[in-house]
Protein backbone atom coordinates (compact mmCIF):
# COMPACT_ATOMS: atom_id res chain seq x y z
CA MET A 1 50.82 26.79 169.78
CA ALA A 2 50.91 23.21 171.02
CA ARG A 3 48.88 20.56 169.24
CA ALA A 4 47.60 17.05 169.89
CA ALA A 5 48.37 13.96 167.83
CA VAL A 6 46.91 10.48 167.65
CA ILE A 7 48.71 7.31 166.52
CA GLY A 8 46.91 4.06 165.83
CA GLU A 9 44.57 2.10 163.64
CA ALA A 10 42.48 4.11 161.19
CA ILE A 11 39.17 2.83 162.57
CA ARG A 12 40.04 4.21 166.03
CA THR A 13 41.83 7.45 165.10
CA THR A 14 40.43 9.20 162.05
CA GLY A 15 37.62 10.92 163.96
CA TYR A 16 40.17 12.87 166.00
CA ALA A 17 41.04 14.87 162.89
CA LEU A 18 37.61 16.53 163.21
CA ALA A 19 38.79 17.98 166.53
CA GLY A 20 41.99 19.28 164.96
CA ALA A 21 44.38 16.55 166.07
CA VAL A 22 47.23 15.41 163.86
CA VAL A 23 46.25 11.83 162.97
CA LEU A 24 49.02 9.39 162.11
CA VAL A 25 47.48 6.09 161.01
CA ALA A 26 49.46 2.99 161.95
CA GLU A 27 48.23 -0.51 161.19
CA ASN A 28 51.38 -2.35 162.35
CA SER A 29 54.52 -1.86 164.41
CA ASP A 30 56.62 -0.48 161.54
CA GLU A 31 54.00 2.16 160.77
CA ALA A 32 53.65 3.03 164.46
CA ARG A 33 57.40 3.60 164.80
CA ALA A 34 57.45 5.65 161.60
CA ALA A 35 54.57 7.75 162.94
CA TRP A 36 56.43 8.26 166.22
CA ARG A 37 59.54 9.42 164.35
CA SER A 38 57.48 11.83 162.24
CA LEU A 39 55.76 13.60 165.15
CA PRO A 40 55.94 17.36 164.67
CA ALA A 41 57.92 19.21 167.34
CA ASP A 42 54.89 21.21 168.52
CA ILE A 43 52.95 18.14 169.70
CA ALA A 44 52.19 18.41 173.42
CA VAL A 45 49.61 15.62 173.81
CA LEU A 46 49.94 12.23 172.14
CA VAL A 47 47.07 9.75 172.19
CA LEU A 48 47.92 6.15 171.34
CA THR A 49 45.54 3.29 170.68
CA ALA A 50 46.22 0.26 172.86
CA ARG A 51 47.72 -1.56 169.88
CA ALA A 52 49.98 1.36 168.96
CA ALA A 53 51.21 1.52 172.55
CA ALA A 54 52.01 -2.19 172.42
CA TRP A 55 53.77 -1.79 169.07
CA LEU A 56 55.90 1.03 170.45
CA GLY A 57 56.94 -1.03 173.45
CA GLU A 58 56.14 -1.37 177.11
CA ASP A 59 56.79 2.33 177.73
CA PRO A 60 55.33 4.28 174.80
CA THR A 61 57.09 7.47 175.86
CA THR A 62 60.52 6.01 175.13
CA PRO A 63 60.53 3.80 172.03
CA PRO A 64 64.01 3.06 170.72
CA THR A 65 63.65 5.32 167.68
CA ALA A 66 62.32 8.45 169.41
CA PRO A 67 62.55 11.57 167.22
CA PHE A 68 63.62 13.79 170.08
CA PRO A 69 65.72 13.45 173.23
CA LEU A 70 64.20 11.08 175.74
CA THR A 71 64.41 13.86 178.32
CA ARG A 72 61.50 15.68 176.65
CA HIS A 73 59.06 16.26 179.51
CA ASP A 74 56.54 18.40 177.67
CA LEU A 75 54.85 15.47 175.90
CA LEU A 76 51.84 13.96 177.64
CA VAL A 77 51.19 10.42 176.36
CA VAL A 78 47.73 8.90 176.85
CA VAL A 79 46.79 5.34 175.90
CA MET A 80 43.19 4.60 174.89
CA PRO A 81 41.53 1.66 176.60
CA PRO A 82 41.33 -1.43 174.36
């Protein structure tokens, strides 16, 4: 079964755990990239805070340290408004 994940600052992401999302707190670019690399394979929807999206690069779907092939088309990435 596919799941959703959220990457970003604790203040903006922790509430998503109540809805069953995998929450990966990232307070800086190193933590955001580490969270990206640690995404479970069954994640189908990824929500990023605006800061996390900026930390991961201009195109958050293809950061340089992606944990899976960049041809993965089954991951929907959504960026929260600032």
